[in-house]
Amino acid sequence: MVRLGVAVFVAVVGSGTLLASRPQYRSPATSQEDIEAAIRAVQAQMQRAAERLDAPALYAHVVDGPTPPVIENGQLADTRVAALARTAQGFQALTSVSYTYTRQSITVLSATTALWIGVGTASAVLADGRTIDAPFAESIVFVERDGQWMVLHAHRSGPRRP
């Protein structure tokens, strides 16, 4: 069976590439409502990129910085490049993936930092035709950089199956 992380994380960060097109959303968000709307817009772009199995577009929303950007099911990606490579490799095992959220929340921590929490189910069709559904929970720390909301860090996990 393909690791849960392959099916689950492919939508997040983990969850881009250094040469990918830049995110579409720019806004000098000033109110809590503006910030929440901006985060929702970026997360929606990330979800669409993942559902297209487009790792570079997904990681276009991830900060390239000195701290590890992604933890998935206890596995730390030390760099953005490593996280992108892992996600791109995971996408190769899939023909499609979709994400259904049953819970989403945003906590605005400051004018330039927000926490996204999501719970849901990832559904994937593997290259060999098998389908899998996997529950997941994720947290994403977004930071505003030069008018864009970017992922500073993401953590995603799924419960172990008995």
Protein backbone atom coordinates (compact mmCIF):
# COMPACT_ATOMS: atom_id res chain seq x y z
CA MET A 1 0.00 0.00 0.00
CA VAL A 2 1.22 3.46 -0.81
CA ARG A 3 2.20 5.35 2.29
CA LEU A 4 -0.56 7.45 3.76
CA GLY A 5 1.72 10.45 3.42
CA VAL A 6 1.84 10.15 -0.38
CA ALA A 7 -1.93 10.28 -0.66
CA VAL A 8 -2.47 12.79 2.08
CA PHE A 9 0.30 15.32 1.85
CA VAL A 10 0.33 15.85 -1.84
CA ALA A 11 -2.11 18.66 -1.33
CA VAL A 12 -0.20 20.66 1.11
CA VAL A 13 3.16 21.90 0.93
CA GLY A 14 3.01 19.51 1.51
CA SER A 15 1.60 22.16 1.97
CA GLY A 16 6.35 24.52 -4.57
CA THR A 17 9.30 25.15 -6.74
CA LEU A 18 11.81 27.89 -6.97
CA LEU A 19 10.89 28.59 -10.60
CA ALA A 20 7.11 28.23 -10.34
CA SER A 21 4.74 31.04 -11.10
CA ARG A 22 4.15 33.25 -8.12
CA PRO A 23 0.91 33.04 -6.16
CA GLN A 24 -2.02 34.91 -7.65
CA TYR A 25 -3.23 36.65 -4.50
CA ARG A 26 -1.71 39.91 -3.25
CA SER A 27 -3.30 42.14 -0.68
CA PRO A 28 -2.28 44.56 2.02
CA ALA A 29 -4.68 42.92 4.47
CA THR A 30 -5.30 45.14 7.44
CA SER A 31 -8.34 43.79 9.27
CA GLN A 32 -8.89 40.33 10.69
CA GLU A 33 -11.54 39.72 8.02
CA ASP A 34 -9.13 40.79 5.25
CA ILE A 35 -6.42 38.50 6.58
CA GLU A 36 -8.80 35.55 6.88
CA ALA A 37 -10.04 36.13 3.32
CA ALA A 38 -6.46 36.30 2.04
CA ILE A 39 -5.53 33.05 3.82
CA ARG A 40 -8.63 31.31 2.43
CA ALA A 41 -7.69 32.47 -1.07
CA VAL A 42 -4.12 31.19 -0.82
CA GLN A 43 -5.21 27.88 0.71
CA ALA A 44 -7.73 27.45 -2.13
CA GLN A 45 -4.98 28.08 -4.69
CA MET A 46 -2.80 25.51 -2.96
CA GLN A 47 -5.62 22.97 -2.92
CA ARG A 48 -6.29 23.49 -6.65
CA ALA A 49 -2.57 23.09 -7.43
CA ALA A 50 -2.43 19.86 -5.44
CA GLU A 51 -5.57 18.53 -7.12
CA ARG A 52 -3.90 19.22 -10.49
CA LEU A 53 -0.89 17.25 -9.16
CA ASP A 54 1.19 20.37 -9.78
CA ALA A 55 3.90 20.36 -7.11
CA PRO A 56 5.70 23.47 -8.46
CA ALA A 57 2.50 25.55 -8.29
CA LEU A 58 1.76 24.19 -4.83
CA TYR A 59 5.21 25.08 -3.53
CA ALA A 60 5.10 28.54 -5.10
CA HIS A 61 3.25 29.40 -1.88
CA VAL A 62 6.04 28.12 0.42
CA VAL A 63 8.71 30.41 1.85
CA ASP A 64 12.26 29.44 0.96
CA GLY A 65 13.88 30.06 4.31
CA PRO A 66 16.28 28.65 6.88
CA THR A 67 13.73 26.61 8.83
CA PRO A 68 12.27 23.25 7.76
CA PRO A 69 8.98 24.02 6.01
CA VAL A 70 7.13 20.72 6.31
CA ILE A 71 6.47 17.89 8.73
CA GLU A 72 4.34 15.07 7.44
CA ASN A 73 3.42 12.07 9.60
CA GLY A 74 6.53 12.62 11.69
CA GLN A 75 8.86 13.04 8.70
CA LEU A 76 10.67 16.37 8.59
CA ALA A 77 11.65 17.91 5.25
CA ASP A 78 14.75 19.93 6.05
CA THR A 79 14.40 22.32 3.12
CA ARG A 80 11.79 23.61 0.72
CA VAL A 81 13.60 21.84 -2.13
CA ALA A 82 13.46 18.52 -0.23
CA ALA A 83 9.77 18.98 0.56
CA LEU A 84 9.01 19.82 -3.07
CA ALA A 85 10.93 16.75 -4.29
CA ARG A 86 9.05 14.48 -1.87
CA THR A 87 5.69 15.89 -2.96
CA ALA A 88 6.56 15.67 -6.68
CA GLN A 89 7.60 12.04 -6.20
CA GLY A 90 4.36 11.32 -4.36
CA PHE A 91 2.33 12.87 -7.17
CA GLN A 92 3.94 10.45 -9.63
CA ALA A 93 2.18 7.57 -7.86
CA LEU A 94 -1.24 9.20 -8.41
CA THR A 95 -3.57 9.81 -11.31
CA SER A 96 -5.83 12.08 -9.26
CA VAL A 97 -6.34 13.43 -5.77
CA SER A 98 -9.04 15.50 -4.10
CA TYR A 99 -9.50 16.97 -0.65
CA THR A 100 -12.69 17.40 1.31
CA TYR A 101 -12.51 19.54 4.43
CA THR A 102 -14.92 18.93 7.28
CA ARG A 103 -13.39 21.63 9.45
CA GLN A 104 -11.35 24.74 8.75
CA SER A 105 -10.34 27.56 11.02
CA ILE A 106 -8.01 30.53 10.93
CA THR A 107 -6.44 32.23 13.91
CA VAL A 108 -4.96 35.63 13.14
CA LEU A 109 -1.86 35.94 15.31
CA SER A 110 -0.73 39.35 14.05
CA ALA A 111 -1.05 41.59 11.01
CA THR A 112 1.54 39.40 9.26
CA THR A 113 1.02 35.93 10.76
CA ALA A 114 -1.92 33.53 10.81
CA LEU A 115 -2.55 29.89 11.68
CA TRP A 116 -4.72 27.72 9.40
CA ILE A 117 -6.15 24.46 10.77
CA GLY A 118 -7.90 21.97 8.52
CA VAL A 119 -9.39 18.51 9.02
CA GLY A 120 -10.69 16.35 6.23
CA THR A 121 -10.27 13.43 3.89
CA ALA A 122 -7.90 13.00 0.96
CA SER A 123 -9.15 10.75 -1.82
CA ALA A 124 -6.72 9.49 -4.43
CA VAL A 125 -6.59 7.21 -7.41
CA LEU A 126 -3.24 5.47 -7.60
CA ALA A 127 -1.40 4.88 -10.86
CA ASP A 128 -2.36 1.18 -10.66
CA GLY A 129 -6.06 2.08 -10.45
CA ARG A 130 -6.60 1.49 -6.74
CA THR A 131 -8.43 4.16 -4.79
CA ILE A 132 -7.75 5.22 -1.24
CA ASP A 133 -9.39 7.61 1.19
CA ALA A 134 -7.35 8.87 4.11
CA PRO A 135 -8.37 11.22 6.91
CA PHE A 136 -5.92 13.99 7.79
CA ALA A 137 -5.39 17.00 10.00
CA GLU A 138 -3.12 19.87 9.08
CA SER A 139 -1.83 23.10 10.49
CA ILE A 140 -0.20 25.78 8.38
CA VAL A 141 1.55 28.91 9.60
CA PHE A 142 1.13 31.67 7.03
CA VAL A 143 3.23 34.83 6.99
CA GLU A 144 2.79 37.93 4.88
CA ARG A 145 5.88 38.68 2.81
CA ASP A 146 5.96 41.58 0.35
CA GLY A 147 2.17 41.66 0.11
CA GLN A 148 1.78 37.90 -0.34
CA TRP A 149 0.62 35.33 2.17
CA MET A 150 3.07 32.43 2.14
CA VAL A 151 3.49 29.17 4.03
CA LEU A 152 6.23 29.43 6.63
CA HIS A 153 5.57 25.96 8.04
CA ALA A 154 3.06 23.16 7.57
CA HIS A 155 2.38 20.03 9.59
CA ARG A 156 0.11 17.29 8.31
CA SER A 157 -0.71 13.90 9.71
CA GLY A 158 -3.21 11.13 9.38
CA PRO A 159 -4.32 8.64 11.98
CA ARG A 160 -2.76 5.21 11.72
CA ARG A 161 -5.05 2.50 10.51
CA PRO A 162 -5.36 -0.60 12.70
